[in-house]
């Protein structure tokens, strides 16, 4: 028997759930375009929360889930974690059309320097 023949309806639902969360995580990491805007949007906090949900599923499902399904879940978590790490090292994206305060971005306000800003 192959792994596919051993899967139950619940295993198929779990695989669909993992795929849904993996897709959401990749969108939250800005790796896929947002379905409404067509543009990539990064939200690392939401991506981290999505990864944590998958990690919870991994812990709760480990004992009673076929190895083939667990491999899919493990791989999804690993890929999201590596992409999250990659994105967390990048500078935060600030949209050009929205004003950002210097405290949010860590940038020096335009028209001044760090010495002038601290006086």
C-alpha atoms as a PDB file:
ATOM      1  CA  UNK A   1       0.000   0.000   0.000  1.00  0.00           C
ATOM      2  CA  UNK A   2       1.180   3.507  -0.743  1.00  0.00           C
ATOM      3  CA  UNK A   3       1.005   6.430   1.670  1.00  0.00           C
ATOM      4  CA  UNK A   4      -1.858   7.897  -0.384  1.00  0.00           C
ATOM      5  CA  UNK A   5      -4.070   4.810   0.143  1.00  0.00           C
ATOM      6  CA  UNK A   6      -3.580   5.000   3.916  1.00  0.00           C
ATOM      7  CA  UNK A   7      -4.851   8.587   4.209  1.00  0.00           C
ATOM      8  CA  UNK A   8      -8.224   9.168   5.822  1.00  0.00           C
ATOM      9  CA  UNK A   9     -10.651  11.961   5.074  1.00  0.00           C
ATOM     10  CA  UNK A  10      -9.318  13.751   8.166  1.00  0.00           C
ATOM     11  CA  UNK A  11      -5.764  13.448   6.845  1.00  0.00           C
ATOM     12  CA  UNK A  12      -6.888  15.084   3.597  1.00  0.00           C
ATOM     13  CA  UNK A  13      -8.537  17.892   5.570  1.00  0.00           C
ATOM     14  CA  UNK A  14      -5.334  18.369   7.578  1.00  0.00           C
ATOM     15  CA  UNK A  15      -3.299  18.572   4.359  1.00  0.00           C
ATOM     16  CA  UNK A  16      -5.701  21.208   3.032  1.00  0.00           C
ATOM     17  CA  UNK A  17      -5.428  23.164   6.273  1.00  0.00           C
ATOM     18  CA  UNK A  18      -1.630  23.054   6.135  1.00  0.00           C
ATOM     19  CA  UNK A  19      -1.685  24.265   2.513  1.00  0.00           C
ATOM     20  CA  UNK A  20      -4.047  27.100   3.474  1.00  0.00           C
ATOM     21  CA  UNK A  21      -1.797  28.259   6.323  1.00  0.00           C
ATOM     22  CA  UNK A  22       1.336  27.893   4.204  1.00  0.00           C
ATOM     23  CA  UNK A  23      -0.211  30.051   1.472  1.00  0.00           C
ATOM     24  CA  UNK A  24      -1.283  32.652   4.047  1.00  0.00           C
ATOM     25  CA  UNK A  25       2.189  32.658   5.595  1.00  0.00           C
ATOM     26  CA  UNK A  26       3.892  33.165   2.247  1.00  0.00           C
ATOM     27  CA  UNK A  27       1.540  36.075   1.491  1.00  0.00           C
ATOM     28  CA  UNK A  28       2.229  37.570   4.938  1.00  0.00           C
ATOM     29  CA  UNK A  29       5.954  37.305   4.242  1.00  0.00           C
ATOM     30  CA  UNK A  30       5.511  39.203   0.988  1.00  0.00           C
ATOM     31  CA  UNK A  31       6.564  36.190  -1.078  1.00  0.00           C
ATOM     32  CA  UNK A  32       3.187  36.008  -2.856  1.00  0.00           C
ATOM     33  CA  UNK A  33       1.002  38.843  -4.088  1.00  0.00           C
ATOM     34  CA  UNK A  34      -2.002  39.822  -2.000  1.00  0.00           C
ATOM     35  CA  UNK A  35      -5.137  38.565  -3.783  1.00  0.00           C
ATOM     36  CA  UNK A  36      -6.955  41.925  -3.581  1.00  0.00           C
ATOM     37  CA  UNK A  37      -4.138  44.349  -4.392  1.00  0.00           C
ATOM     38  CA  UNK A  38      -2.005  42.128  -6.601  1.00  0.00           C
ATOM     39  CA  UNK A  39       1.060  43.430  -4.741  1.00  0.00           C
ATOM     40  CA  UNK A  40       3.235  41.683  -2.169  1.00  0.00           C
ATOM     41  CA  UNK A  41       2.650  42.927   1.381  1.00  0.00           C
ATOM     42  CA  UNK A  42       4.810  42.040   4.386  1.00  0.00           C
ATOM     43  CA  UNK A  43       3.430  41.503   7.886  1.00  0.00           C
ATOM     44  CA  UNK A  44       6.049  39.622   9.864  1.00  0.00           C
ATOM     45  CA  UNK A  45       3.999  39.531  13.070  1.00  0.00           C
ATOM     46  CA  UNK A  46       1.094  37.830  11.302  1.00  0.00           C
ATOM     47  CA  UNK A  47       3.492  35.461   9.548  1.00  0.00           C
ATOM     48  CA  UNK A  48       5.010  34.516  12.905  1.00  0.00           C
ATOM     49  CA  UNK A  49       1.521  33.817  14.300  1.00  0.00           C
ATOM     50  CA  UNK A  50       0.733  31.635  11.280  1.00  0.00           C
ATOM     51  CA  UNK A  51       3.939  29.651  11.824  1.00  0.00           C
ATOM     52  CA  UNK A  52       3.006  29.196  15.484  1.00  0.00           C
ATOM     53  CA  UNK A  53      -0.400  27.765  14.520  1.00  0.00           C
ATOM     54  CA  UNK A  54       1.320  25.245  12.248  1.00  0.00           C
ATOM     55  CA  UNK A  55       3.782  24.382  15.035  1.00  0.00           C
ATOM     56  CA  UNK A  56       0.841  23.764  17.378  1.00  0.00           C
ATOM     57  CA  UNK A  57      -0.748  21.464  14.788  1.00  0.00           C
ATOM     58  CA  UNK A  58       2.577  19.673  14.442  1.00  0.00           C
ATOM     59  CA  UNK A  59       2.775  19.052  18.191  1.00  0.00           C
ATOM     60  CA  UNK A  60      -0.847  17.980  18.554  1.00  0.00           C
ATOM     61  CA  UNK A  61      -0.950  15.740  15.475  1.00  0.00           C
ATOM     62  CA  UNK A  62       2.407  13.986  15.764  1.00  0.00           C
ATOM     63  CA  UNK A  63       1.189  10.792  17.460  1.00  0.00           C
ATOM     64  CA  UNK A  64      -1.836   9.932  15.305  1.00  0.00           C
ATOM     65  CA  UNK A  65      -0.925  11.240  11.866  1.00  0.00           C
ATOM     66  CA  UNK A  66       0.621   9.232   9.004  1.00  0.00           C
ATOM     67  CA  UNK A  67       4.305   9.988   8.309  1.00  0.00           C
ATOM     68  CA  UNK A  68       3.525  11.293   4.808  1.00  0.00           C
ATOM     69  CA  UNK A  69       1.181  13.939   6.219  1.00  0.00           C
ATOM     70  CA  UNK A  70       3.676  14.897   8.927  1.00  0.00           C
ATOM     71  CA  UNK A  71       6.389  15.336   6.271  1.00  0.00           C
ATOM     72  CA  UNK A  72       4.164  17.848   4.473  1.00  0.00           C
ATOM     73  CA  UNK A  73       3.504  19.705   7.732  1.00  0.00           C
ATOM     74  CA  UNK A  74       7.186  19.627   8.761  1.00  0.00           C
ATOM     75  CA  UNK A  75       8.256  20.913   5.345  1.00  0.00           C
ATOM     76  CA  UNK A  76       5.693  23.725   5.385  1.00  0.00           C
ATOM     77  CA  UNK A  77       6.894  24.872   8.803  1.00  0.00           C
ATOM     78  CA  UNK A  78      10.552  24.680   7.797  1.00  0.00           C
ATOM     79  CA  UNK A  79      10.001  26.666   4.595  1.00  0.00           C
ATOM     80  CA  UNK A  80       7.997  29.357   6.386  1.00  0.00           C
ATOM     81  CA  UNK A  81      10.591  29.610   9.165  1.00  0.00           C
ATOM     82  CA  UNK A  82      13.458  30.016   6.692  1.00  0.00           C
ATOM     83  CA  UNK A  83      11.542  32.618   4.683  1.00  0.00           C
ATOM     84  CA  UNK A  84      10.579  34.451   7.888  1.00  0.00           C
ATOM     85  CA  UNK A  85      14.226  34.527   8.935  1.00  0.00           C
ATOM     86  CA  UNK A  86      15.217  35.866   5.507  1.00  0.00           C
ATOM     87  CA  UNK A  87      12.537  38.570   5.600  1.00  0.00           C
ATOM     88  CA  UNK A  88      13.274  39.563   9.210  1.00  0.00           C
ATOM     89  CA  UNK A  89      16.846  40.434   8.195  1.00  0.00           C
ATOM     90  CA  UNK A  90      15.625  42.814   5.497  1.00  0.00           C
ATOM     91  CA  UNK A  91      14.949  46.466   6.218  1.00  0.00           C
ATOM     92  CA  UNK A  92      11.325  47.228   7.041  1.00  0.00           C
ATOM     93  CA  UNK A  93       9.298  48.379   4.081  1.00  0.00           C
ATOM     94  CA  UNK A  94       7.718  51.807   4.446  1.00  0.00           C
ATOM     95  CA  UNK A  95       5.183  52.719   1.762  1.00  0.00           C
ATOM     96  CA  UNK A  96       6.208  55.890  -0.102  1.00  0.00           C
ATOM     97  CA  UNK A  97       2.744  57.403   0.247  1.00  0.00           C
ATOM     98  CA  UNK A  98       2.453  56.998   4.022  1.00  0.00           C
ATOM     99  CA  UNK A  99       4.342  59.238   6.456  1.00  0.00           C
ATOM    100  CA  UNK A 100       6.390  57.244   8.934  1.00  0.00           C
ATOM    101  CA  UNK A 101       7.732  58.655  12.136  1.00  0.00           C
ATOM    102  CA  UNK A 102      11.431  58.464  12.827  1.00  0.00           C
ATOM    103  CA  UNK A 103      10.745  56.372  15.931  1.00  0.00           C
ATOM    104  CA  UNK A 104       8.966  53.695  13.842  1.00  0.00           C
ATOM    105  CA  UNK A 105      11.630  53.373  11.163  1.00  0.00           C
ATOM    106  CA  UNK A 106      14.715  54.283  13.175  1.00  0.00           C
ATOM    107  CA  UNK A 107      15.497  56.864  10.502  1.00  0.00           C
ATOM    108  CA  UNK A 108      16.721  60.375  11.137  1.00  0.00           C
ATOM    109  CA  UNK A 109      14.045  62.913  10.207  1.00  0.00           C
ATOM    110  CA  UNK A 110      14.773  64.638   6.917  1.00  0.00           C
ATOM    111  CA  UNK A 111      16.465  67.999   7.182  1.00  0.00           C
ATOM    112  CA  UNK A 112      18.446  67.074  10.279  1.00  0.00           C
ATOM    113  CA  UNK A 113      21.228  64.869  11.501  1.00  0.00           C
ATOM    114  CA  UNK A 114      21.502  62.612  14.504  1.00  0.00           C
ATOM    115  CA  UNK A 115      23.432  65.192  16.563  1.00  0.00           C
ATOM    116  CA  UNK A 116      20.830  67.870  15.865  1.00  0.00           C
ATOM    117  CA  UNK A 117      17.998  65.468  16.574  1.00  0.00           C
ATOM    118  CA  UNK A 118      19.374  64.630  20.033  1.00  0.00           C
ATOM    119  CA  UNK A 119      19.913  68.277  21.117  1.00  0.00           C
END
